[in-house]
Amino acid sequence: MKRVFGVKKNKDPPPSIQDASDRITKRGDSVDDKIKKLDAELSRYKEQIKKTRPGPAQEAVKARAMRVLKQKRMYEGQRDMLYNQTFNLDQVQFAAEGIKDAQQTMTALKSANKELKGMMKTVKIQDIDNLQDEMMDLMDVSNEIQETLGRSYNVPDDIDEDDLMGELDALELDMGNETEADGVPSYLQPDKEPDLDAELNLPPAPTGQTAVPPGRFNAQTEDELGLPAVPRASIRG
């Protein structure tokens, strides 16, 4: 049966874009090598043309150089064509890679969409609102507890505004009457000795004498009995 109908041959898979691009790139590299060799040969012919005199020998060298130049132009045309093919393959490969990326993105988005839908079924907006309301109530209760615990004891709450202003005015008056000496408030300064002459309304004493209040004697002008004192110099004499 196999001899009659033959055997179906297995088809090789088509080459990928990358395989085709690599193959064309290798061909382009081979053409570049040939062009370099032709450039070296043209350089030799150029030197020969400069060294030879005009005549049949020079014309023969020019003919060979012309043939090599035509061959170089042909290879350059093939190289440009191969480069264009490589460029086209690169564009196709870029587009194919973009489509693959788009497919992967769509697959990831579908999976995420399905997962989000499943998560949304377990989360309800009403439950969130109720939770928020309950938290607000708890915070209000907590604030009331803190205010209650922070309440002061035995502090009068019925202070009149007039009483408050009176206290402030009195405090301001006291602060205005304070005098400071060397940075020490008046209530911390030492008491001054009272002025007896001012208190007893005595006339001012003569110059060089000190006024003596009633009931007291002055050792400079009087003795203990109130009589004029005798100078010590006369006593000695």
Protein backbone atom coordinates (compact mmCIF):
# COMPACT_ATOMS: atom_id res chain seq x y z
CA MET A 1 0.00 0.00 0.00
CA LYS A 2 2.82 2.35 0.80
CA ARG A 3 4.31 1.65 -2.62
CA VAL A 4 0.99 2.49 -4.32
CA PHE A 5 -0.05 5.62 -2.45
CA GLY A 6 3.34 6.60 -1.12
CA VAL A 7 4.17 7.98 2.31
CA LYS A 8 3.15 11.48 3.37
CA LYS A 9 6.24 13.48 4.07
CA ASN A 10 6.50 15.46 7.27
CA LYS A 11 6.54 19.19 6.61
CA ASP A 12 9.19 21.18 8.36
CA PRO A 13 7.91 24.08 10.47
CA PRO A 14 8.19 27.44 8.76
CA PRO A 15 11.19 29.52 9.76
CA SER A 16 10.63 32.18 12.34
CA ILE A 17 11.20 35.85 11.75
CA GLN A 18 14.35 35.73 13.81
CA ASP A 19 15.72 32.80 11.78
CA ALA A 20 15.05 34.61 8.50
CA SER A 21 16.62 37.81 9.83
CA ASP A 22 19.74 35.96 10.98
CA ARG A 23 20.11 34.23 7.63
CA ILE A 24 19.81 37.49 5.69
CA THR A 25 22.25 39.18 8.05
CA LYS A 26 24.84 36.48 7.37
CA ARG A 27 24.39 36.96 3.63
CA GLY A 28 24.84 40.69 4.05
CA ASP A 29 28.05 40.14 6.02
CA SER A 30 29.37 37.88 3.24
CA VAL A 31 28.60 40.54 0.62
CA ASP A 32 30.38 43.15 2.76
CA ASP A 33 33.49 40.98 2.82
CA LYS A 34 33.44 40.72 -0.97
CA ILE A 35 33.05 44.48 -1.30
CA LYS A 36 36.06 45.04 0.98
CA LYS A 37 38.17 42.73 -1.17
CA LEU A 38 37.10 44.58 -4.31
CA ASP A 39 37.98 47.92 -2.65
CA ALA A 40 41.48 46.62 -1.93
CA GLU A 41 41.83 45.48 -5.56
CA LEU A 42 40.63 48.84 -6.85
CA SER A 43 43.20 50.53 -4.64
CA ARG A 44 45.98 48.51 -6.28
CA TYR A 45 44.71 49.34 -9.76
CA LYS A 46 44.63 53.01 -8.82
CA GLU A 47 48.29 52.91 -7.82
CA GLN A 48 49.20 51.08 -11.06
CA ILE A 49 47.38 53.67 -13.17
CA LYS A 50 49.36 56.43 -11.47
CA LYS A 51 52.69 54.64 -12.10
CA THR A 52 52.10 53.59 -15.74
CA ARG A 53 52.40 55.94 -18.67
CA PRO A 54 49.44 56.67 -20.89
CA GLY A 55 49.13 54.00 -23.50
CA PRO A 56 47.95 50.42 -23.96
CA ALA A 57 49.28 49.24 -20.58
CA GLN A 58 47.43 51.93 -18.72
CA GLU A 59 44.26 51.28 -20.70
CA ALA A 60 44.43 47.58 -19.80
CA VAL A 61 44.72 48.44 -16.11
CA LYS A 62 41.79 50.84 -16.42
CA ALA A 63 39.70 48.11 -18.08
CA ARG A 64 40.38 45.68 -15.23
CA ALA A 65 39.60 48.42 -12.69
CA MET A 66 36.34 49.18 -14.52
CA ARG A 67 35.33 45.51 -14.39
CA VAL A 68 36.07 45.35 -10.65
CA LEU A 69 34.13 48.58 -10.07
CA LYS A 70 31.07 47.17 -11.87
CA GLN A 71 31.27 44.04 -9.76
CA LYS A 72 31.51 46.18 -6.61
CA ARG A 73 28.42 48.19 -7.62
CA MET A 74 26.51 44.94 -8.15
CA TYR A 75 27.46 43.69 -4.67
CA GLU A 76 26.55 47.04 -3.16
CA GLY A 77 23.10 46.77 -4.75
CA GLN A 78 22.65 43.27 -3.29
CA ARG A 79 23.82 44.48 0.11
CA ASP A 80 21.31 47.36 0.11
CA MET A 81 18.55 44.95 -0.87
CA LEU A 82 19.50 42.57 1.96
CA TYR A 83 19.58 45.47 4.44
CA ASN A 84 16.09 46.51 3.35
CA GLN A 85 14.83 42.97 3.86
CA THR A 86 16.40 42.86 7.31
CA PHE A 87 14.77 46.18 8.17
CA ASN A 88 11.37 44.89 7.06
CA LEU A 89 11.80 41.73 9.10
CA ASP A 90 12.74 43.80 12.15
CA GLN A 91 9.59 45.85 11.77
CA VAL A 92 7.45 42.72 11.49
CA GLN A 93 9.16 41.19 14.51
CA PHE A 94 8.60 44.37 16.50
CA ALA A 95 4.91 44.35 15.61
CA ALA A 96 4.62 40.65 16.50
CA GLU A 97 6.29 41.25 19.87
CA GLY A 98 3.90 44.14 20.49
CA ILE A 99 0.90 41.91 19.80
CA LYS A 100 2.28 39.25 22.14
CA ASP A 101 2.71 41.86 24.86
CA ALA A 102 -0.84 43.07 24.28
CA GLN A 103 -2.13 39.49 24.59
CA GLN A 104 -0.29 39.00 27.87
CA THR A 105 -1.62 42.32 29.13
CA MET A 106 -5.16 41.36 28.26
CA THR A 107 -4.76 38.00 29.99
CA ALA A 108 -3.41 39.67 33.11
CA LEU A 109 -6.25 42.22 33.10
CA LYS A 110 -8.87 39.49 32.75
CA SER A 111 -7.36 37.59 35.65
CA ALA A 112 -7.23 40.73 37.80
CA ASN A 113 -10.82 41.61 36.85
CA LYS A 114 -12.03 38.19 37.89
CA GLU A 115 -10.13 38.41 41.18
CA LEU A 116 -11.52 41.86 41.92
CA LYS A 117 -15.06 40.72 41.27
CA GLY A 118 -14.56 37.87 43.73
CA MET A 119 -13.18 40.28 46.34
CA MET A 120 -16.01 42.76 45.82
CA LYS A 121 -18.52 40.08 46.70
CA THR A 122 -17.03 39.88 50.20
CA VAL A 123 -16.93 43.67 50.72
CA LYS A 124 -20.17 45.63 50.97
CA ILE A 125 -20.50 49.39 51.07
CA GLN A 126 -23.25 49.17 53.71
CA ASP A 127 -20.97 47.22 56.00
CA ILE A 128 -18.26 49.88 55.60
CA ASP A 129 -20.73 52.67 56.39
CA ASN A 130 -21.97 50.84 59.46
CA LEU A 131 -18.42 50.27 60.62
CA GLN A 132 -17.59 53.94 60.18
CA ASP A 133 -20.68 55.01 62.15
CA GLU A 134 -19.81 52.60 64.94
CA MET A 135 -16.25 53.90 65.10
CA MET A 136 -17.50 57.49 65.31
CA ASP A 137 -19.80 56.56 68.19
CA LEU A 138 -16.96 54.85 69.99
CA MET A 139 -14.75 57.90 69.56
CA ASP A 140 -17.49 60.15 70.99
CA VAL A 141 -17.87 57.88 74.00
CA SER A 142 -14.09 57.86 74.46
CA ASN A 143 -13.98 61.67 74.40
CA GLU A 144 -16.74 61.86 77.00
CA ILE A 145 -14.84 59.44 79.24
CA GLN A 146 -11.67 61.50 78.93
CA GLU A 147 -13.52 64.73 79.74
CA THR A 148 -15.16 63.12 82.76
CA LEU A 149 -11.89 61.76 84.10
CA GLY A 150 -10.17 65.12 83.54
CA ARG A 151 -12.78 67.10 85.50
CA SER A 152 -11.33 69.09 88.44
CA TYR A 153 -12.62 68.70 91.99
CA ASN A 154 -13.81 71.54 94.31
CA VAL A 155 -13.42 74.19 91.65
CA PRO A 156 -16.26 76.75 91.55
CA ASP A 157 -17.89 76.82 88.18
CA ASP A 158 -20.15 79.85 88.83
CA ILE A 159 -17.54 82.63 88.67
CA ASP A 160 -19.07 85.92 87.62
CA GLU A 161 -17.43 87.89 84.86
CA ASP A 162 -17.46 91.04 86.97
CA ASP A 163 -15.63 89.23 89.76
CA LEU A 164 -13.07 88.02 87.28
CA MET A 165 -12.48 91.53 85.93
CA GLY A 166 -12.17 92.89 89.47
CA GLU A 167 -9.55 90.30 90.34
CA LEU A 168 -7.61 91.13 87.20
CA ASP A 169 -7.74 94.89 87.92
CA ALA A 170 -6.51 94.35 91.47
CA LEU A 171 -3.71 92.14 90.25
CA GLU A 172 -2.69 94.76 87.68
CA LEU A 173 -2.70 97.48 90.37
CA ASP A 174 -0.50 95.39 92.66
CA MET A 175 1.92 94.73 89.87
CA GLY A 176 2.03 98.45 89.00
CA ASN A 177 2.83 99.47 92.58
CA GLU A 178 5.72 97.07 92.86
CA THR A 179 9.16 98.65 92.70
CA GLU A 180 12.25 96.66 91.97
CA ALA A 181 15.74 97.37 93.21
CA ASP A 182 18.57 95.41 91.61
CA GLY A 183 16.01 93.02 90.22
CA VAL A 184 14.46 92.24 93.65
CA PRO A 185 10.68 92.81 94.04
CA SER A 186 9.49 95.24 96.69
CA TYR A 187 7.96 92.53 98.84
CA LEU A 188 11.38 90.86 99.09
CA GLN A 189 13.34 94.05 99.94
CA PRO A 190 14.41 94.67 103.62
CA ASP A 191 12.26 97.03 105.70
CA LYS A 192 13.50 100.63 105.96
CA GLU A 193 14.01 102.28 109.38
CA PRO A 194 11.12 104.58 110.28
CA ASP A 195 11.74 108.34 110.21
CA LEU A 196 11.04 109.42 113.85
CA ASP A 197 11.23 113.13 113.08
CA ALA A 198 8.55 112.80 110.45
CA GLU A 199 6.36 110.64 112.68
CA LEU A 200 6.66 113.04 115.72
CA ASN A 201 6.36 116.21 113.59
CA LEU A 202 9.63 117.62 115.06
CA PRO A 203 11.30 120.68 113.58
CA PRO A 204 14.48 120.06 111.66
CA ALA A 205 17.63 119.99 113.78
CA PRO A 206 20.32 122.69 113.41
CA THR A 207 23.27 122.04 111.23
CA GLY A 208 25.70 119.65 112.91
CA GLN A 209 23.09 118.55 115.45
CA THR A 210 20.60 115.76 115.43
CA ALA A 211 16.99 116.28 116.45
CA VAL A 212 16.15 114.36 119.60
CA PRO A 213 12.60 113.25 120.23
CA PRO A 214 10.99 114.00 123.61
CA GLY A 215 12.09 111.69 126.46
CA ARG A 216 15.55 111.20 124.93
CA PHE A 217 18.83 113.10 125.51
CA ASN A 218 21.55 114.05 123.12
CA ALA A 219 25.00 113.06 124.36
CA GLN A 220 26.55 116.02 122.47
CA THR A 221 24.47 118.87 124.02
CA GLU A 222 22.82 117.47 127.16
CA ASP A 223 23.61 115.15 130.00
CA GLU A 224 21.44 112.47 131.43
CA LEU A 225 19.42 115.01 133.50
CA GLY A 226 18.73 117.23 130.58
CA LEU A 227 21.23 119.93 131.57
CA PRO A 228 23.73 121.42 129.13
CA ALA A 229 26.64 119.06 128.71
CA VAL A 230 30.06 120.25 129.79
CA PRO A 231 32.78 119.72 127.18
CA ARG A 232 35.29 117.06 128.14
CA ALA A 233 38.24 119.41 127.59
CA SER A 234 37.00 121.82 130.35
CA ILE A 235 36.55 118.91 132.72
CA ARG A 236 40.14 117.82 132.23
CA GLY A 237 41.37 121.37 132.88
